[in-house]
Amino acid sequence: MSLPVLQAMRKLTPRAVRLVLLPASYVTFLAGTLTSAAIFYEGKPLDPKAAILSVIQSPDENPRGFGASAAGTAISAILLAPAAAVFYMRLRKRRPLLALAGAILLAAGIVSAVAIGILAPFTHGYSPLHVQLASAAFIGIAAGAWIHLFAIRAAPVLLVNQLGAVLLLVFLCYGPLNFDNYRFVTSLALWEWVLCLDCGLALWALAKAIEAKTDVKMPRDRKADRE
């Protein structure tokens, strides 16, 4: 990584991550996905059970519209990379092992999400590679956020909720569960969107917690400001 990039990373704050990078990532993902969904549903009844991300982003199921969702997924994940770096740099002195573990998981999730977007034009059906990348993206981001929340000693309610989300993710990805797309409550589409929402909220809460506990001026800094 070049020196200017490293300097920019050091200047990036959790507040900037929370107010700029994360919203930009979310908006990019939603804009791409909703654009592809609009094309996918042309001439079809609006069935939310069919709004499976892999279907909307499939060149077979959505040949005219998959590109927007694929690009949105890749770009939104790339926008998360600086956020992961900020989280690690702010936590490495407090809890180095936990910060490193969280950073590795977040990096794995982000790289997997980028790969999903890049490989979308070549993905046909639910290939094993696509399924594993999707699982890695969700689990990496959710688990990485939880470990970072644990490292910063976030509020117990945040820790418990995010741990529950991680355990649910592992069960949905690897447990003995078959999704029933005849009902919305048991459909893959619903749970994909719930997990996307959880990842977004967990990263926002993490940035907020790190901001509250590390962006605090010491007494010496306040004295210098007054002078």
C-alpha atoms as a PDB file:
ATOM      1  CA  MET A   1       0.000   0.000   0.000  1.00  0.00           C
ATOM      2  CA  SER A   2       1.457   3.363  -1.027  1.00  0.00           C
ATOM      3  CA  LEU A   3       2.414   6.071   1.486  1.00  0.00           C
ATOM      4  CA  PRO A   4      -0.338   8.546   0.424  1.00  0.00           C
ATOM      5  CA  VAL A   5      -2.966   5.831   0.869  1.00  0.00           C
ATOM      6  CA  LEU A   6      -1.647   4.994   4.331  1.00  0.00           C
ATOM      7  CA  GLN A   7      -1.670   8.662   5.303  1.00  0.00           C
ATOM      8  CA  ALA A   8      -5.247   9.012   4.084  1.00  0.00           C
ATOM      9  CA  MET A   9      -6.240   5.939   6.109  1.00  0.00           C
ATOM     10  CA  ARG A  10      -4.739   7.446   9.258  1.00  0.00           C
ATOM     11  CA  LYS A  11      -6.731  10.638   8.764  1.00  0.00           C
ATOM     12  CA  LEU A  12      -9.994   8.782   8.192  1.00  0.00           C
ATOM     13  CA  THR A  13     -12.087   8.760  11.371  1.00  0.00           C
ATOM     14  CA  PRO A  14     -14.835   6.434  12.580  1.00  0.00           C
ATOM     15  CA  ARG A  15     -17.207   9.395  12.291  1.00  0.00           C
ATOM     16  CA  ALA A  16     -16.356   9.793   8.602  1.00  0.00           C
ATOM     17  CA  VAL A  17     -16.838   6.051   8.164  1.00  0.00           C
ATOM     18  CA  ARG A  18     -20.257   6.221   9.834  1.00  0.00           C
ATOM     19  CA  LEU A  19     -21.498   9.347   8.067  1.00  0.00           C
ATOM     20  CA  VAL A  20     -19.884   8.992   4.630  1.00  0.00           C
ATOM     21  CA  LEU A  21     -18.407   5.605   3.731  1.00  0.00           C
ATOM     22  CA  LEU A  22     -21.087   3.339   5.155  1.00  0.00           C
ATOM     23  CA  PRO A  23     -24.032   5.323   3.710  1.00  0.00           C
ATOM     24  CA  ALA A  24     -22.241   5.476   0.346  1.00  0.00           C
ATOM     25  CA  SER A  25     -21.761   1.708   0.431  1.00  0.00           C
ATOM     26  CA  TYR A  26     -25.394   1.049   1.373  1.00  0.00           C
ATOM     27  CA  VAL A  27     -26.778   3.426  -1.259  1.00  0.00           C
ATOM     28  CA  THR A  28     -24.561   1.911  -3.952  1.00  0.00           C
ATOM     29  CA  PHE A  29     -25.697  -1.598  -3.087  1.00  0.00           C
ATOM     30  CA  LEU A  30     -29.380  -0.653  -2.950  1.00  0.00           C
ATOM     31  CA  ALA A  31     -29.254   1.436  -6.133  1.00  0.00           C
ATOM     32  CA  GLY A  32     -27.653  -1.380  -8.098  1.00  0.00           C
ATOM     33  CA  THR A  33     -29.930  -4.059  -6.704  1.00  0.00           C
ATOM     34  CA  LEU A  34     -33.155  -2.066  -7.112  1.00  0.00           C
ATOM     35  CA  THR A  35     -32.203  -1.115 -10.675  1.00  0.00           C
ATOM     36  CA  SER A  36     -31.667  -4.769 -11.538  1.00  0.00           C
ATOM     37  CA  ALA A  37     -34.856  -5.742  -9.696  1.00  0.00           C
ATOM     38  CA  ALA A  38     -36.892  -3.208 -11.691  1.00  0.00           C
ATOM     39  CA  ILE A  39     -35.674  -4.802 -14.920  1.00  0.00           C
ATOM     40  CA  PHE A  40     -36.184  -8.310 -13.532  1.00  0.00           C
ATOM     41  CA  TYR A  41     -39.834  -7.598 -12.624  1.00  0.00           C
ATOM     42  CA  GLU A  42     -40.775  -5.996 -15.954  1.00  0.00           C
ATOM     43  CA  GLY A  43     -43.899  -7.741 -17.178  1.00  0.00           C
ATOM     44  CA  LYS A  44     -44.066  -9.923 -14.056  1.00  0.00           C
ATOM     45  CA  PRO A  45     -46.145  -9.710 -10.880  1.00  0.00           C
ATOM     46  CA  LEU A  46     -44.230  -8.185  -7.977  1.00  0.00           C
ATOM     47  CA  ASP A  47     -43.511 -11.281  -5.896  1.00  0.00           C
ATOM     48  CA  PRO A  48     -41.136 -10.524  -2.989  1.00  0.00           C
ATOM     49  CA  LYS A  49     -40.305 -14.230  -2.661  1.00  0.00           C
ATOM     50  CA  ALA A  50     -38.563 -14.008  -6.035  1.00  0.00           C
ATOM     51  CA  ALA A  51     -36.324 -11.120  -4.944  1.00  0.00           C
ATOM     52  CA  ILE A  52     -33.384 -13.444  -4.267  1.00  0.00           C
ATOM     53  CA  LEU A  53     -30.114 -11.586  -4.710  1.00  0.00           C
ATOM     54  CA  SER A  54     -28.549 -14.442  -6.665  1.00  0.00           C
ATOM     55  CA  VAL A  55     -31.511 -14.458  -9.051  1.00  0.00           C
ATOM     56  CA  ILE A  56     -31.565 -10.686  -9.558  1.00  0.00           C
ATOM     57  CA  GLN A  57     -27.810 -10.843 -10.186  1.00  0.00           C
ATOM     58  CA  SER A  58     -27.954 -13.877 -12.489  1.00  0.00           C
ATOM     59  CA  PRO A  59     -27.173 -13.514 -16.222  1.00  0.00           C
ATOM     60  CA  ASP A  60     -29.547 -16.442 -16.826  1.00  0.00           C
ATOM     61  CA  GLU A  61     -32.528 -15.203 -14.789  1.00  0.00           C
ATOM     62  CA  ASN A  62     -32.019 -11.482 -15.441  1.00  0.00           C
ATOM     63  CA  PRO A  63     -29.911 -11.166 -18.612  1.00  0.00           C
ATOM     64  CA  ARG A  64     -30.701  -7.486 -19.260  1.00  0.00           C
ATOM     65  CA  GLY A  65     -30.503  -6.261 -15.709  1.00  0.00           C
ATOM     66  CA  PHE A  66     -27.987  -8.292 -13.705  1.00  0.00           C
ATOM     67  CA  GLY A  67     -25.086  -5.927 -14.390  1.00  0.00           C
ATOM     68  CA  ALA A  68     -26.296  -3.079 -12.166  1.00  0.00           C
ATOM     69  CA  SER A  69     -26.633  -5.364  -9.167  1.00  0.00           C
ATOM     70  CA  ALA A  70     -23.271  -7.023  -9.832  1.00  0.00           C
ATOM     71  CA  ALA A  71     -21.522  -3.651 -10.082  1.00  0.00           C
ATOM     72  CA  GLY A  72     -23.354  -2.318  -7.033  1.00  0.00           C
ATOM     73  CA  THR A  73     -22.306  -5.337  -4.956  1.00  0.00           C
ATOM     74  CA  ALA A  74     -18.638  -5.065  -5.939  1.00  0.00           C
ATOM     75  CA  ILE A  75     -18.405  -1.285  -5.502  1.00  0.00           C
ATOM     76  CA  SER A  76     -20.280  -1.269  -2.195  1.00  0.00           C
ATOM     77  CA  ALA A  77     -17.880  -3.890  -0.832  1.00  0.00           C
ATOM     78  CA  ILE A  78     -14.847  -1.919  -2.047  1.00  0.00           C
ATOM     79  CA  LEU A  79     -16.175   1.115  -0.171  1.00  0.00           C
ATOM     80  CA  LEU A  80     -16.121  -0.956   3.021  1.00  0.00           C
ATOM     81  CA  ALA A  81     -12.391  -1.703   2.763  1.00  0.00           C
ATOM     82  CA  PRO A  82     -11.243   1.645   4.250  1.00  0.00           C
ATOM     83  CA  ALA A  83     -13.780   1.196   7.050  1.00  0.00           C
ATOM     84  CA  ALA A  84     -12.252  -2.179   7.947  1.00  0.00           C
ATOM     85  CA  ALA A  85      -8.806  -0.566   8.011  1.00  0.00           C
ATOM     86  CA  VAL A  86     -10.013   2.219  10.308  1.00  0.00           C
ATOM     87  CA  PHE A  87     -11.593  -0.258  12.711  1.00  0.00           C
ATOM     88  CA  TYR A  88      -8.371  -2.253  12.911  1.00  0.00           C
ATOM     89  CA  MET A  89      -6.112   0.767  13.386  1.00  0.00           C
ATOM     90  CA  ARG A  90      -8.320   2.154  16.165  1.00  0.00           C
ATOM     91  CA  LEU A  91      -8.486  -1.159  18.046  1.00  0.00           C
ATOM     92  CA  ARG A  92      -5.076  -2.745  17.506  1.00  0.00           C
ATOM     93  CA  LYS A  93      -3.479  -1.071  20.540  1.00  0.00           C
ATOM     94  CA  ARG A  94      -6.381  -1.858  22.861  1.00  0.00           C
ATOM     95  CA  ARG A  95      -7.067  -5.484  21.872  1.00  0.00           C
ATOM     96  CA  PRO A  96      -4.497  -6.513  19.233  1.00  0.00           C
ATOM     97  CA  LEU A  97      -5.522 -10.159  18.816  1.00  0.00           C
ATOM     98  CA  LEU A  98      -9.225  -9.409  18.629  1.00  0.00           C
ATOM     99  CA  ALA A  99      -8.584  -6.488  16.275  1.00  0.00           C
ATOM    100  CA  LEU A 100      -6.551  -8.735  13.984  1.00  0.00           C
ATOM    101  CA  ALA A 101      -9.139 -11.531  14.049  1.00  0.00           C
ATOM    102  CA  GLY A 102     -11.946  -9.097  13.289  1.00  0.00           C
ATOM    103  CA  ALA A 103      -9.947  -7.480  10.494  1.00  0.00           C
ATOM    104  CA  ILE A 104      -9.208 -10.854   8.879  1.00  0.00           C
ATOM    105  CA  LEU A 105     -12.888 -11.829   8.958  1.00  0.00           C
ATOM    106  CA  LEU A 106     -14.018  -8.461   7.619  1.00  0.00           C
ATOM    107  CA  ALA A 107     -11.411  -8.642   4.855  1.00  0.00           C
ATOM    108  CA  ALA A 108     -12.556 -12.142   3.916  1.00  0.00           C
ATOM    109  CA  GLY A 109     -16.174 -10.980   3.776  1.00  0.00           C
ATOM    110  CA  ILE A 110     -15.342  -7.901   1.707  1.00  0.00           C
ATOM    111  CA  VAL A 111     -13.160  -9.827  -0.762  1.00  0.00           C
ATOM    112  CA  SER A 112     -15.890 -12.453  -1.136  1.00  0.00           C
ATOM    113  CA  ALA A 113     -18.509  -9.786  -1.868  1.00  0.00           C
ATOM    114  CA  VAL A 114     -16.249  -8.150  -4.467  1.00  0.00           C
ATOM    115  CA  ALA A 115     -15.672 -11.557  -6.068  1.00  0.00           C
ATOM    116  CA  ILE A 116     -19.435 -12.179  -6.246  1.00  0.00           C
ATOM    117  CA  GLY A 117     -19.904  -8.963  -8.203  1.00  0.00           C
ATOM    118  CA  ILE A 118     -16.959  -9.539 -10.525  1.00  0.00           C
ATOM    119  CA  LEU A 119     -17.857 -13.166 -11.230  1.00  0.00           C
ATOM    120  CA  ALA A 120     -21.590 -12.520 -11.724  1.00  0.00           C
ATOM    121  CA  PRO A 121     -21.396 -12.493 -15.576  1.00  0.00           C
ATOM    122  CA  PHE A 122     -19.856 -15.979 -15.455  1.00  0.00           C
ATOM    123  CA  THR A 123     -22.089 -17.461 -12.742  1.00  0.00           C
ATOM    124  CA  HIS A 124     -24.793 -19.847 -13.912  1.00  0.00           C
ATOM    125  CA  GLY A 125     -27.196 -21.225 -11.330  1.00  0.00           C
ATOM    126  CA  TYR A 126     -26.270 -21.862  -7.718  1.00  0.00           C
ATOM    127  CA  SER A 127     -22.724 -23.034  -8.380  1.00  0.00           C
ATOM    128  CA  PRO A 128     -20.745 -24.280  -5.336  1.00  0.00           C
ATOM    129  CA  LEU A 129     -18.309 -21.374  -5.717  1.00  0.00           C
ATOM    130  CA  HIS A 130     -21.105 -18.802  -5.697  1.00  0.00           C
ATOM    131  CA  VAL A 131     -22.765 -20.375  -2.648  1.00  0.00           C
ATOM    132  CA  GLN A 132     -19.500 -20.474  -0.723  1.00  0.00           C
ATOM    133  CA  LEU A 133     -18.634 -16.879  -1.648  1.00  0.00           C
ATOM    134  CA  ALA A 134     -22.076 -15.697  -0.517  1.00  0.00           C
ATOM    135  CA  SER A 135     -21.721 -17.560   2.779  1.00  0.00           C
ATOM    136  CA  ALA A 136     -18.206 -16.164   3.297  1.00  0.00           C
ATOM    137  CA  ALA A 137     -19.362 -12.614   2.538  1.00  0.00           C
ATOM    138  CA  PHE A 138     -22.208 -12.688   5.047  1.00  0.00           C
ATOM    139  CA  ILE A 139     -20.362 -14.584   7.782  1.00  0.00           C
ATOM    140  CA  GLY A 140     -17.128 -12.632   7.360  1.00  0.00           C
ATOM    141  CA  ILE A 141     -18.774  -9.231   7.682  1.00  0.00           C
ATOM    142  CA  ALA A 142     -21.186 -10.234  10.461  1.00  0.00           C
ATOM    143  CA  ALA A 143     -18.598 -12.135  12.529  1.00  0.00           C
ATOM    144  CA  GLY A 144     -15.910  -9.514  11.948  1.00  0.00           C
ATOM    145  CA  ALA A 145     -18.270  -6.819  13.190  1.00  0.00           C
ATOM    146  CA  TRP A 146     -19.127  -8.895  16.270  1.00  0.00           C
ATOM    147  CA  ILE A 147     -15.476  -9.475  17.191  1.00  0.00           C
ATOM    148  CA  HIS A 148     -14.736  -5.766  16.805  1.00  0.00           C
ATOM    149  CA  LEU A 149     -17.773  -4.925  18.950  1.00  0.00           C
ATOM    150  CA  PHE A 150     -16.442  -7.328  21.574  1.00  0.00           C
ATOM    151  CA  ALA A 151     -12.992  -5.714  21.347  1.00  0.00           C
ATOM    152  CA  ILE A 152     -14.393  -2.227  21.931  1.00  0.00           C
ATOM    153  CA  ARG A 153     -16.578  -3.531  24.782  1.00  0.00           C
ATOM    154  CA  ALA A 154     -19.784  -2.386  23.149  1.00  0.00           C
ATOM    155  CA  ALA A 155     -23.122  -2.471  24.944  1.00  0.00           C
ATOM    156  CA  PRO A 156     -24.217  -5.997  25.914  1.00  0.00           C
ATOM    157  CA  VAL A 157     -27.394  -5.709  23.829  1.00  0.00           C
ATOM    158  CA  LEU A 158     -25.283  -5.102  20.713  1.00  0.00           C
ATOM    159  CA  LEU A 159     -23.000  -8.026  21.495  1.00  0.00           C
ATOM    160  CA  VAL A 160     -25.869 -10.423  22.136  1.00  0.00           C
ATOM    161  CA  ASN A 161     -27.842  -9.352  19.064  1.00  0.00           C
ATOM    162  CA  GLN A 162     -24.854  -9.612  16.745  1.00  0.00           C
ATOM    163  CA  LEU A 163     -23.784 -12.967  18.160  1.00  0.00           C
ATOM    164  CA  GLY A 164     -27.325 -14.184  17.524  1.00  0.00           C
ATOM    165  CA  ALA A 165     -27.077 -12.936  13.936  1.00  0.00           C
ATOM    166  CA  VAL A 166     -23.782 -14.779  13.430  1.00  0.00           C
ATOM    167  CA  LEU A 167     -25.177 -18.029  14.830  1.00  0.00           C
ATOM    168  CA  LEU A 168     -28.291 -17.652  12.673  1.00  0.00           C
ATOM    169  CA  LEU A 169     -26.077 -17.102   9.641  1.00  0.00           C
ATOM    170  CA  VAL A 170     -24.059 -20.240  10.288  1.00  0.00           C
ATOM    171  CA  PHE A 171     -27.276 -22.219  10.696  1.00  0.00           C
ATOM    172  CA  LEU A 172     -28.819 -20.801   7.518  1.00  0.00           C
ATOM    173  CA  CYS A 173     -25.657 -21.472   5.513  1.00  0.00           C
ATOM    174  CA  TYR A 174     -24.664 -24.872   6.858  1.00  0.00           C
ATOM    175  CA  GLY A 175     -27.566 -26.193   8.947  1.00  0.00           C
ATOM    176  CA  PRO A 176     -30.167 -28.801   7.934  1.00  0.00           C
ATOM    177  CA  LEU A 177     -32.529 -26.208   6.486  1.00  0.00           C
ATOM    178  CA  ASN A 178     -34.362 -26.127   3.168  1.00  0.00           C
ATOM    179  CA  PHE A 179     -35.858 -22.771   2.242  1.00  0.00           C
ATOM    180  CA  ASP A 180     -39.546 -22.868   1.375  1.00  0.00           C
ATOM    181  CA  ASN A 181     -40.130 -20.232  -1.309  1.00  0.00           C
ATOM    182  CA  TYR A 182     -43.881 -20.812  -1.258  1.00  0.00           C
ATOM    183  CA  ARG A 183     -44.106 -18.615   1.841  1.00  0.00           C
ATOM    184  CA  PHE A 184     -42.374 -15.280   2.300  1.00  0.00           C
ATOM    185  CA  VAL A 185     -41.460 -15.936   5.949  1.00  0.00           C
ATOM    186  CA  THR A 186     -39.472 -19.042   5.003  1.00  0.00           C
ATOM    187  CA  SER A 187     -38.146 -17.749   1.690  1.00  0.00           C
ATOM    188  CA  LEU A 188     -34.470 -17.304   0.894  1.00  0.00           C
ATOM    189  CA  ALA A 189     -35.167 -13.749  -0.312  1.00  0.00           C
ATOM    190  CA  LEU A 190     -36.442 -12.592   3.086  1.00  0.00           C
ATOM    191  CA  TRP A 191     -33.491 -13.961   5.015  1.00  0.00           C
ATOM    192  CA  GLU A 192     -30.966 -12.599   2.533  1.00  0.00           C
ATOM    193  CA  TRP A 193     -32.371  -9.095   2.962  1.00  0.00           C
ATOM    194  CA  VAL A 194     -32.577  -9.467   6.754  1.00  0.00           C
ATOM    195  CA  LEU A 195     -28.910 -10.455   6.825  1.00  0.00           C
ATOM    196  CA  CYS A 196     -27.951  -7.555   4.555  1.00  0.00           C
ATOM    197  CA  LEU A 197     -29.739  -5.218   6.964  1.00  0.00           C
ATOM    198  CA  ASP A 198     -27.976  -6.783   9.942  1.00  0.00           C
ATOM    199  CA  CYS A 199     -24.530  -6.372   8.349  1.00  0.00           C
ATOM    200  CA  GLY A 200     -25.253  -2.725   7.618  1.00  0.00           C
ATOM    201  CA  LEU A 201     -26.573  -1.933  11.092  1.00  0.00           C
ATOM    202  CA  ALA A 202     -23.751  -3.854  12.807  1.00  0.00           C
ATOM    203  CA  LEU A 203     -21.059  -1.904  10.944  1.00  0.00           C
ATOM    204  CA  TRP A 204     -22.832   1.389  11.677  1.00  0.00           C
ATOM    205  CA  ALA A 205     -23.108   0.515  15.377  1.00  0.00           C
ATOM    206  CA  LEU A 206     -19.452  -0.530  15.407  1.00  0.00           C
ATOM    207  CA  ALA A 207     -18.334   2.769  13.875  1.00  0.00           C
ATOM    208  CA  LYS A 208     -20.481   4.624  16.428  1.00  0.00           C
ATOM    209  CA  ALA A 209     -19.009   2.651  19.346  1.00  0.00           C
ATOM    210  CA  ILE A 210     -15.418   3.169  18.188  1.00  0.00           C
ATOM    211  CA  GLU A 211     -16.129   6.847  17.596  1.00  0.00           C
ATOM    212  CA  ALA A 212     -17.495   7.243  21.121  1.00  0.00           C
ATOM    213  CA  LYS A 213     -14.574   5.473  22.803  1.00  0.00           C
ATOM    214  CA  THR A 214     -11.577   6.550  20.744  1.00  0.00           C
ATOM    215  CA  ASP A 215     -12.440   9.987  19.319  1.00  0.00           C
ATOM    216  CA  VAL A 216     -12.223  11.560  22.766  1.00  0.00           C
ATOM    217  CA  LYS A 217      -9.625  14.231  23.439  1.00  0.00           C
ATOM    218  CA  MET A 218      -7.357  13.773  26.409  1.00  0.00           C
ATOM    219  CA  PRO A 219      -7.083  16.639  28.958  1.00  0.00           C
ATOM    220  CA  ARG A 220      -3.736  17.706  27.468  1.00  0.00           C
ATOM    221  CA  ASP A 221      -5.359  18.008  24.028  1.00  0.00           C
ATOM    222  CA  ARG A 222      -8.166  20.147  25.430  1.00  0.00           C
ATOM    223  CA  LYS A 223      -5.647  22.412  27.151  1.00  0.00           C
ATOM    224  CA  ALA A 224      -3.759  22.838  23.870  1.00  0.00           C
ATOM    225  CA  ASP A 225      -7.029  23.738  22.109  1.00  0.00           C
ATOM    226  CA  ARG A 226      -7.742  26.486  24.665  1.00  0.00           C
ATOM    227  CA  GLU A 227      -4.280  27.916  24.232  1.00  0.00           C
END
